[in-house]
Amino acid sequence: MTKKNTDIPTGIEFEPAFVAGLKDIFETKIVFNQVLGLNITSLKPERVIATIAMKPELVGHYSHNRLHGGVISAGLDAMGGLACMAAIGARHMDESPEQRLHRFGKLGTIDLRVDYLRPGIGERFELRAEVMRLGSRVASTRMEFFGADGKLLSTGSGAYIVS
């Protein structure tokens, strides 16, 4: 993506309790992420990765079996939020996993931009996100949406309230 962000601690391994709690929030408690089928595959302070499997409910153009643009946008937005959660979790490693998981109650999207580069056609998609800057109140993120063949289909950038 881009140069390393010095605001985010790197090389940190999250505890299993934090990873399990964050996966539960992201994949279960945020019910819309279940509808999208978002599944976390990698959770690191500097980058998060998830996948979406194509299913009939996500089709936007019936004759081309193309992914709906709203699915791409919502997926990128969710990933930007997840990247913020990981970065916040890494910033507060002095707290227990439970304390860090409670920090996400005020997290919300301020602004989102999506660029659609290619149609979303395929059986599986990978989404990646990283925090560019984590301030005390606002975080800025960059996100990417890939096809199963590794081609970049869409990019996004977002701003999130974090406190």
Protein backbone atom coordinates (compact mmCIF):
# COMPACT_ATOMS: atom_id res chain seq x y z
CA MET A 1 0.00 0.00 0.00
CA THR A 2 2.04 2.99 1.25
CA LYS A 3 4.83 3.89 3.64
CA LYS A 4 4.77 2.68 7.23
CA ASN A 5 2.74 4.65 9.73
CA THR A 6 4.76 5.59 12.78
CA ASP A 7 1.55 6.23 14.77
CA ILE A 8 0.80 2.49 14.90
CA PRO A 9 3.00 0.10 16.90
CA THR A 10 4.17 -2.80 14.70
CA GLY A 11 5.44 -6.27 15.47
CA ILE A 12 2.79 -6.74 18.16
CA GLU A 13 1.09 -10.11 18.52
CA PHE A 14 -2.44 -9.78 19.85
CA GLU A 15 -3.51 -12.14 22.63
CA PRO A 16 -5.93 -14.93 21.66
CA ALA A 17 -8.62 -13.32 23.89
CA PHE A 18 -8.34 -10.01 22.01
CA VAL A 19 -8.40 -11.70 18.59
CA ALA A 20 -11.41 -13.84 19.57
CA GLY A 21 -13.24 -10.83 21.01
CA LEU A 22 -12.56 -8.66 17.97
CA LYS A 23 -13.63 -11.46 15.58
CA ASP A 24 -16.84 -11.89 17.62
CA ILE A 25 -17.61 -8.16 17.40
CA PHE A 26 -16.77 -7.92 13.69
CA GLU A 27 -18.16 -11.21 12.37
CA THR A 28 -21.09 -11.82 14.75
CA LYS A 29 -22.24 -8.74 16.66
CA ILE A 30 -22.11 -6.46 13.60
CA VAL A 31 -24.90 -8.43 11.93
CA PHE A 32 -24.56 -6.67 8.58
CA ASN A 33 -21.04 -8.11 8.29
CA GLN A 34 -22.69 -11.55 8.52
CA VAL A 35 -24.97 -10.61 5.62
CA LEU A 36 -21.89 -9.61 3.60
CA GLY A 37 -20.08 -12.78 4.67
CA LEU A 38 -17.00 -10.91 5.92
CA ASN A 39 -14.48 -13.24 7.58
CA ILE A 40 -11.22 -12.02 9.11
CA THR A 41 -8.16 -13.91 7.85
CA SER A 42 -5.39 -11.70 9.32
CA LEU A 43 -5.46 -9.27 12.23
CA LYS A 44 -2.31 -7.21 12.78
CA PRO A 45 -1.88 -3.65 14.05
CA GLU A 46 -0.52 -2.47 10.71
CA ARG A 47 -2.95 -4.32 8.39
CA VAL A 48 -6.16 -6.32 8.52
CA ILE A 49 -7.35 -8.78 5.88
CA ALA A 50 -10.74 -10.41 5.35
CA THR A 51 -12.60 -12.31 2.65
CA ILE A 52 -16.08 -12.32 1.15
CA ALA A 53 -17.43 -15.34 -0.74
CA MET A 54 -19.81 -14.58 -3.60
CA LYS A 55 -23.43 -15.59 -3.00
CA PRO A 56 -26.68 -14.81 -4.85
CA GLU A 57 -27.75 -12.20 -2.27
CA LEU A 58 -24.72 -10.04 -3.19
CA VAL A 59 -25.32 -9.85 -6.96
CA GLY A 60 -25.83 -6.36 -8.32
CA HIS A 61 -26.15 -7.14 -12.03
CA TYR A 62 -28.08 -10.34 -12.69
CA SER A 63 -26.93 -11.02 -16.24
CA HIS A 64 -23.21 -10.69 -15.39
CA ASN A 65 -23.31 -12.15 -11.86
CA ARG A 66 -21.44 -9.04 -10.79
CA LEU A 67 -21.02 -8.02 -7.14
CA HIS A 68 -23.21 -5.07 -6.11
CA GLY A 69 -21.25 -1.84 -5.67
CA GLY A 70 -22.88 -1.36 -2.27
CA VAL A 71 -21.31 -4.64 -1.10
CA ILE A 72 -17.90 -3.36 -2.14
CA SER A 73 -18.47 0.00 -0.45
CA ALA A 74 -19.85 -1.55 2.75
CA GLY A 75 -17.02 -4.10 2.83
CA LEU A 76 -14.36 -1.42 2.47
CA ASP A 77 -16.06 0.70 5.15
CA ALA A 78 -16.19 -2.27 7.54
CA MET A 79 -12.52 -3.00 6.90
CA GLY A 80 -11.54 0.61 7.58
CA GLY A 81 -13.32 0.31 10.93
CA LEU A 82 -11.60 -3.00 11.66
CA ALA A 83 -8.20 -1.46 10.88
CA CYS A 84 -9.00 1.29 13.40
CA MET A 85 -9.93 -1.32 16.01
CA ALA A 86 -6.64 -3.16 15.48
CA ALA A 87 -4.61 0.05 15.65
CA ILE A 88 -6.39 1.18 18.81
CA GLY A 89 -5.88 -2.27 20.33
CA ALA A 90 -2.14 -2.06 19.57
CA ARG A 91 -1.85 1.43 21.01
CA HIS A 92 -3.25 0.30 24.38
CA MET A 93 -1.43 -2.99 24.96
CA ASP A 94 -0.97 -1.96 28.61
CA GLU A 95 -4.71 -2.66 29.10
CA SER A 96 -6.42 -6.03 29.31
CA PRO A 97 -8.02 -7.44 26.13
CA GLU A 98 -11.47 -6.78 27.64
CA GLN A 99 -10.65 -3.12 28.36
CA ARG A 100 -9.37 -2.62 24.79
CA LEU A 101 -12.46 -4.26 23.27
CA HIS A 102 -14.67 -1.74 25.11
CA ARG A 103 -12.88 1.16 23.39
CA PHE A 104 -14.77 0.54 20.12
CA GLY A 105 -18.16 1.77 21.33
CA LYS A 106 -17.71 5.24 19.86
CA LEU A 107 -16.10 4.18 16.59
CA GLY A 108 -17.98 5.47 13.54
CA THR A 109 -17.48 6.50 9.93
CA ILE A 110 -17.04 10.21 9.25
CA ASP A 111 -16.19 10.05 5.55
CA LEU A 112 -15.78 7.32 2.94
CA ARG A 113 -14.52 7.43 -0.63
CA VAL A 114 -14.59 4.44 -2.97
CA ASP A 115 -13.06 4.13 -6.43
CA TYR A 116 -14.45 1.26 -8.52
CA LEU A 117 -11.68 0.15 -10.88
CA ARG A 118 -12.98 -3.16 -12.29
CA PRO A 119 -16.24 -5.13 -12.01
CA GLY A 120 -16.54 -7.46 -9.02
CA ILE A 121 -16.83 -10.79 -10.79
CA GLY A 122 -15.65 -13.97 -9.11
CA GLU A 123 -16.31 -16.53 -6.40
CA ARG A 124 -14.18 -14.96 -3.66
CA PHE A 125 -12.82 -11.53 -2.80
CA GLU A 126 -10.10 -10.30 -0.45
CA LEU A 127 -10.26 -6.99 1.40
CA ARG A 128 -7.30 -5.26 3.05
CA ALA A 129 -7.10 -2.14 5.16
CA GLU A 130 -4.58 -0.13 7.13
CA VAL A 131 -4.64 2.97 9.26
CA MET A 132 -2.64 5.83 7.77
CA ARG A 133 -2.92 8.03 10.86
CA LEU A 134 -4.38 7.32 14.27
CA GLY A 135 -5.08 10.54 16.14
CA SER A 136 -6.72 10.94 19.53
CA ARG A 137 -10.13 11.64 17.93
CA VAL A 138 -9.94 10.76 14.21
CA ALA A 139 -8.26 7.96 12.23
CA SER A 140 -7.57 7.93 8.49
CA THR A 141 -7.54 4.65 6.57
CA ARG A 142 -6.82 3.15 3.16
CA MET A 143 -8.59 0.04 1.92
CA GLU A 144 -8.30 -2.32 -1.07
CA PHE A 145 -10.70 -4.85 -2.62
CA PHE A 146 -9.20 -7.69 -4.69
CA GLY A 147 -10.57 -10.45 -6.89
CA ALA A 148 -9.57 -14.08 -6.36
CA ASP A 149 -7.01 -13.66 -9.15
CA GLY A 150 -5.25 -10.92 -7.16
CA LYS A 151 -6.43 -8.06 -9.39
CA LEU A 152 -7.27 -4.81 -7.64
CA LEU A 153 -11.01 -4.18 -8.16
CA SER A 154 -11.63 -1.16 -5.90
CA THR A 155 -9.87 1.15 -3.50
CA GLY A 156 -11.17 3.24 -0.64
CA SER A 157 -10.16 5.79 1.92
CA GLY A 158 -12.02 6.68 5.06
CA ALA A 159 -12.03 8.83 8.15
CA TYR A 160 -13.37 7.42 11.43
CA ILE A 161 -14.21 8.96 14.79
CA VAL A 162 -12.31 6.97 17.41
CA SER A 163 -13.18 8.80 20.65
